[in-house]
Amino acid sequence: AGAPPDGTPTWRPAPLLLLLVIPVLVGAAWDALAWMVNDDWARDEYNHCWLIIPIALFMVGTRAQELAAAPWTPSWAGVALAAVGILMLLVG
């Protein structure tokens, strides 16, 4: 109950933020994602792309304890960068 003595937050809003942001990003990029799945990934040059997400999840999973123990220092710079990227995606 309450913040630890060092002042670090006791909860992390990142999972909740991801639950809100991911559907927006998928919706905004739906046409590009559909093209990648239907057209681009069928080409021999890109069919290995299906392995990237499982490998990335494996790599994060093997370091989950270290990542959970890492100090959390939020920055508005990341939010600004994401907002610029989303705006560029929506505008075209």
N, C-alpha and C. Protein backbone atom coordinates (compact mmCIF):
# COMPACT_ATOMS: atom_id res chain seq x y z
N ALA A 1 0.85 -1.18 0.00
CA ALA A 1 0.00 0.00 0.00
C ALA A 1 0.88 1.22 0.00
N GLY A 2 0.78 2.05 -1.00
CA GLY A 2 1.60 3.24 -1.06
C GLY A 2 2.86 3.02 -1.85
N ALA A 3 3.58 4.10 -2.09
CA ALA A 3 4.81 4.03 -2.87
C ALA A 3 5.96 3.52 -2.02
N PRO A 4 6.89 2.81 -2.61
CA PRO A 4 8.08 2.38 -1.87
C PRO A 4 8.91 3.59 -1.47
N PRO A 5 9.84 3.41 -0.52
CA PRO A 5 10.64 4.54 -0.03
C PRO A 5 11.42 5.27 -1.13
N ASP A 6 11.82 4.56 -2.18
CA ASP A 6 12.61 5.23 -3.22
C ASP A 6 11.76 6.05 -4.18
N GLY A 7 10.44 6.01 -4.03
CA GLY A 7 9.55 6.84 -4.82
C GLY A 7 9.13 6.26 -6.15
N THR A 8 9.55 5.04 -6.46
CA THR A 8 9.13 4.44 -7.73
C THR A 8 7.66 4.07 -7.66
N PRO A 9 6.96 4.14 -8.77
CA PRO A 9 5.54 3.81 -8.76
C PRO A 9 5.31 2.32 -8.46
N THR A 10 4.21 2.02 -7.79
CA THR A 10 3.92 0.63 -7.45
C THR A 10 3.15 -0.08 -8.55
N TRP A 11 2.65 0.64 -9.53
CA TRP A 11 1.95 0.00 -10.65
C TRP A 11 2.43 0.65 -11.93
N ARG A 12 2.28 -0.08 -13.01
CA ARG A 12 2.74 0.41 -14.30
C ARG A 12 1.55 0.53 -15.23
N PRO A 13 1.30 1.72 -15.75
CA PRO A 13 0.16 1.91 -16.64
C PRO A 13 0.41 1.43 -18.06
N ALA A 14 1.61 0.97 -18.38
CA ALA A 14 1.94 0.58 -19.75
C ALA A 14 1.01 -0.50 -20.30
N PRO A 15 0.69 -1.58 -19.56
CA PRO A 15 -0.21 -2.58 -20.14
C PRO A 15 -1.58 -2.00 -20.49
N LEU A 16 -2.11 -1.14 -19.66
CA LEU A 16 -3.40 -0.51 -19.94
C LEU A 16 -3.29 0.40 -21.16
N LEU A 17 -2.21 1.14 -21.24
CA LEU A 17 -2.00 2.01 -22.39
C LEU A 17 -1.88 1.20 -23.67
N LEU A 18 -1.20 0.06 -23.61
CA LEU A 18 -1.09 -0.80 -24.79
C LEU A 18 -2.46 -1.32 -25.22
N LEU A 19 -3.30 -1.65 -24.26
CA LEU A 19 -4.64 -2.13 -24.60
C LEU A 19 -5.45 -1.06 -25.33
N LEU A 20 -5.14 0.19 -25.07
CA LEU A 20 -5.84 1.28 -25.74
C LEU A 20 -5.21 1.65 -27.07
N VAL A 21 -3.89 1.60 -27.15
CA VAL A 21 -3.18 2.08 -28.34
C VAL A 21 -3.15 1.04 -29.45
N ILE A 22 -2.96 -0.22 -29.12
CA ILE A 22 -2.83 -1.26 -30.15
C ILE A 22 -4.04 -1.32 -31.07
N PRO A 23 -5.28 -1.31 -30.57
CA PRO A 23 -6.42 -1.33 -31.52
C PRO A 23 -6.45 -0.10 -32.43
N VAL A 24 -6.04 1.06 -31.92
CA VAL A 24 -6.00 2.26 -32.74
C VAL A 24 -4.98 2.11 -33.85
N LEU A 25 -3.80 1.59 -33.51
CA LEU A 25 -2.76 1.40 -34.52
C LEU A 25 -3.17 0.35 -35.56
N VAL A 26 -3.76 -0.74 -35.10
CA VAL A 26 -4.20 -1.78 -36.04
C VAL A 26 -5.28 -1.23 -36.96
N GLY A 27 -6.20 -0.47 -36.41
CA GLY A 27 -7.25 0.13 -37.24
C GLY A 27 -6.70 1.11 -38.26
N ALA A 28 -5.72 1.90 -37.83
CA ALA A 28 -5.15 2.90 -38.73
C ALA A 28 -4.31 2.24 -39.83
N ALA A 29 -3.70 1.12 -39.52
CA ALA A 29 -2.81 0.46 -40.48
C ALA A 29 -3.46 -0.76 -41.12
N TRP A 30 -4.77 -0.89 -41.02
CA TRP A 30 -5.44 -2.10 -41.48
C TRP A 30 -5.16 -2.42 -42.95
N ASP A 31 -5.21 -1.42 -43.82
CA ASP A 31 -4.97 -1.66 -45.24
C ASP A 31 -3.55 -2.18 -45.49
N ALA A 32 -2.59 -1.56 -44.82
CA ALA A 32 -1.20 -1.99 -44.99
C ALA A 32 -0.98 -3.39 -44.42
N LEU A 33 -1.59 -3.67 -43.28
CA LEU A 33 -1.46 -5.01 -42.69
C LEU A 33 -2.09 -6.07 -43.58
N ALA A 34 -3.27 -5.77 -44.13
CA ALA A 34 -3.93 -6.71 -45.02
C ALA A 34 -3.07 -6.96 -46.26
N TRP A 35 -2.47 -5.92 -46.81
CA TRP A 35 -1.60 -6.08 -47.97
C TRP A 35 -0.40 -6.96 -47.62
N MET A 36 0.20 -6.72 -46.44
CA MET A 36 1.35 -7.52 -46.05
C MET A 36 1.00 -8.99 -45.92
N VAL A 37 -0.13 -9.29 -45.29
CA VAL A 37 -0.52 -10.68 -45.07
C VAL A 37 -0.92 -11.34 -46.39
N ASN A 38 -1.69 -10.66 -47.21
CA ASN A 38 -2.23 -11.28 -48.42
C ASN A 38 -1.26 -11.29 -49.59
N ASP A 39 -0.46 -10.25 -49.74
CA ASP A 39 0.38 -10.13 -50.92
C ASP A 39 1.87 -10.28 -50.64
N ASP A 40 2.36 -9.51 -49.69
CA ASP A 40 3.80 -9.42 -49.52
C ASP A 40 4.40 -10.65 -48.86
N TRP A 41 3.77 -11.18 -47.82
CA TRP A 41 4.34 -12.31 -47.11
C TRP A 41 4.26 -13.61 -47.92
N ALA A 42 3.50 -13.61 -48.98
CA ALA A 42 3.45 -14.79 -49.84
C ALA A 42 4.70 -14.89 -50.71
N ARG A 43 5.43 -13.79 -50.86
CA ARG A 43 6.66 -13.81 -51.65
C ARG A 43 7.77 -14.49 -50.88
N ASP A 44 8.63 -15.19 -51.57
CA ASP A 44 9.71 -15.93 -50.92
C ASP A 44 10.66 -15.02 -50.14
N GLU A 45 10.82 -13.78 -50.57
CA GLU A 45 11.74 -12.88 -49.90
C GLU A 45 11.26 -12.47 -48.50
N TYR A 46 9.96 -12.58 -48.25
CA TYR A 46 9.40 -12.09 -46.98
C TYR A 46 8.69 -13.16 -46.16
N ASN A 47 8.70 -14.41 -46.57
CA ASN A 47 7.93 -15.40 -45.83
C ASN A 47 8.55 -15.74 -44.47
N HIS A 48 9.77 -15.32 -44.19
CA HIS A 48 10.37 -15.53 -42.88
C HIS A 48 9.81 -14.56 -41.83
N CYS A 49 9.08 -13.55 -42.27
CA CYS A 49 8.56 -12.54 -41.34
C CYS A 49 7.63 -13.13 -40.29
N TRP A 50 7.01 -14.25 -40.59
CA TRP A 50 6.12 -14.89 -39.61
C TRP A 50 6.89 -15.32 -38.36
N LEU A 51 8.19 -15.46 -38.45
CA LEU A 51 8.99 -15.90 -37.31
C LEU A 51 9.39 -14.75 -36.38
N ILE A 52 9.29 -13.52 -36.83
CA ILE A 52 9.81 -12.40 -36.04
C ILE A 52 9.06 -12.23 -34.72
N ILE A 53 7.75 -12.27 -34.74
CA ILE A 53 6.98 -12.06 -33.50
C ILE A 53 7.23 -13.18 -32.49
N PRO A 54 7.17 -14.48 -32.87
CA PRO A 54 7.48 -15.51 -31.87
C PRO A 54 8.90 -15.41 -31.32
N ILE A 55 9.87 -15.07 -32.17
CA ILE A 55 11.24 -14.93 -31.68
C ILE A 55 11.36 -13.75 -30.73
N ALA A 56 10.72 -12.63 -31.06
CA ALA A 56 10.76 -11.46 -30.17
C ALA A 56 10.09 -11.78 -28.83
N LEU A 57 8.96 -12.48 -28.87
CA LEU A 57 8.28 -12.86 -27.62
C LEU A 57 9.15 -13.81 -26.79
N PHE A 58 9.83 -14.72 -27.45
CA PHE A 58 10.75 -15.62 -26.74
C PHE A 58 11.87 -14.83 -26.07
N MET A 59 12.43 -13.89 -26.80
CA MET A 59 13.53 -13.10 -26.24
C MET A 59 13.08 -12.27 -25.04
N VAL A 60 11.90 -11.69 -25.12
CA VAL A 60 11.36 -10.93 -24.00
C VAL A 60 11.05 -11.87 -22.84
N GLY A 61 10.48 -13.04 -23.15
CA GLY A 61 10.14 -13.99 -22.10
C GLY A 61 11.34 -14.50 -21.34
N THR A 62 12.46 -14.68 -22.03
CA THR A 62 13.66 -15.17 -21.33
C THR A 62 14.26 -14.11 -20.42
N ARG A 63 13.93 -12.86 -20.65
CA ARG A 63 14.44 -11.77 -19.81
C ARG A 63 13.33 -11.09 -19.01
N ALA A 64 12.21 -11.77 -18.83
CA ALA A 64 11.05 -11.15 -18.19
C ALA A 64 11.37 -10.66 -16.78
N GLN A 65 12.10 -11.45 -16.00
CA GLN A 65 12.40 -11.04 -14.63
C GLN A 65 13.31 -9.81 -14.62
N GLU A 66 14.29 -9.79 -15.51
CA GLU A 66 15.18 -8.63 -15.58
C GLU A 66 14.42 -7.39 -16.03
N LEU A 67 13.53 -7.56 -17.00
CA LEU A 67 12.75 -6.42 -17.48
C LEU A 67 11.81 -5.90 -16.39
N ALA A 68 11.22 -6.82 -15.62
CA ALA A 68 10.31 -6.41 -14.54
C ALA A 68 11.06 -5.69 -13.43
N ALA A 69 12.33 -6.07 -13.21
CA ALA A 69 13.11 -5.45 -12.14
C ALA A 69 13.77 -4.14 -12.56
N ALA A 70 13.78 -3.86 -13.85
CA ALA A 70 14.43 -2.64 -14.34
C ALA A 70 13.68 -1.41 -13.84
N PRO A 71 14.41 -0.35 -13.52
CA PRO A 71 13.73 0.87 -13.07
C PRO A 71 12.87 1.45 -14.19
N TRP A 72 11.74 1.94 -13.80
CA TRP A 72 10.77 2.48 -14.75
C TRP A 72 10.82 3.99 -14.69
N THR A 73 11.29 4.60 -15.76
CA THR A 73 11.37 6.05 -15.82
C THR A 73 10.60 6.52 -17.05
N PRO A 74 9.32 6.85 -16.85
CA PRO A 74 8.50 7.27 -17.99
C PRO A 74 8.98 8.59 -18.57
N SER A 75 8.68 8.77 -19.86
CA SER A 75 9.07 9.99 -20.54
C SER A 75 7.98 10.40 -21.52
N TRP A 76 7.67 11.68 -21.53
CA TRP A 76 6.68 12.18 -22.49
C TRP A 76 7.24 12.20 -23.91
N ALA A 77 8.55 12.08 -24.04
CA ALA A 77 9.15 12.05 -25.37
C ALA A 77 8.65 10.85 -26.16
N GLY A 78 8.48 9.72 -25.52
CA GLY A 78 7.95 8.54 -26.19
C GLY A 78 6.52 8.73 -26.65
N VAL A 79 5.72 9.39 -25.84
CA VAL A 79 4.34 9.67 -26.21
C VAL A 79 4.31 10.62 -27.40
N ALA A 80 5.16 11.63 -27.39
CA ALA A 80 5.21 12.58 -28.50
C ALA A 80 5.65 11.88 -29.78
N LEU A 81 6.64 11.02 -29.69
CA LEU A 81 7.11 10.28 -30.87
C LEU A 81 6.01 9.37 -31.42
N ALA A 82 5.32 8.67 -30.53
CA ALA A 82 4.22 7.82 -30.97
C ALA A 82 3.11 8.65 -31.61
N ALA A 83 2.81 9.80 -31.03
CA ALA A 83 1.75 10.65 -31.59
C ALA A 83 2.13 11.14 -32.99
N VAL A 84 3.37 11.51 -33.19
CA VAL A 84 3.82 11.93 -34.52
C VAL A 84 3.71 10.78 -35.50
N GLY A 85 4.11 9.58 -35.09
CA GLY A 85 4.00 8.41 -35.96
C GLY A 85 2.57 8.09 -36.31
N ILE A 86 1.68 8.14 -35.35
CA ILE A 86 0.26 7.86 -35.61
C ILE A 86 -0.32 8.92 -36.54
N LEU A 87 0.04 10.18 -36.30
CA LEU A 87 -0.44 11.26 -37.17
C LEU A 87 0.04 11.06 -38.61
N MET A 88 1.30 10.69 -38.77
CA MET A 88 1.83 10.45 -40.11
C MET A 88 1.12 9.28 -40.78
N LEU A 89 0.80 8.26 -40.01
CA LEU A 89 0.10 7.10 -40.55
C LEU A 89 -1.31 7.49 -40.99
N LEU A 90 -1.99 8.29 -40.19
CA LEU A 90 -3.37 8.68 -40.52
C LEU A 90 -3.43 9.67 -41.68
N VAL A 91 -2.48 10.59 -41.75
CA VAL A 91 -2.47 11.60 -42.80
C VAL A 91 -2.02 10.99 -44.13
N GLY A 92 -1.06 10.09 -44.05
CA GLY A 92 -0.60 9.42 -45.27
C GLY A 92 0.67 9.95 -45.68
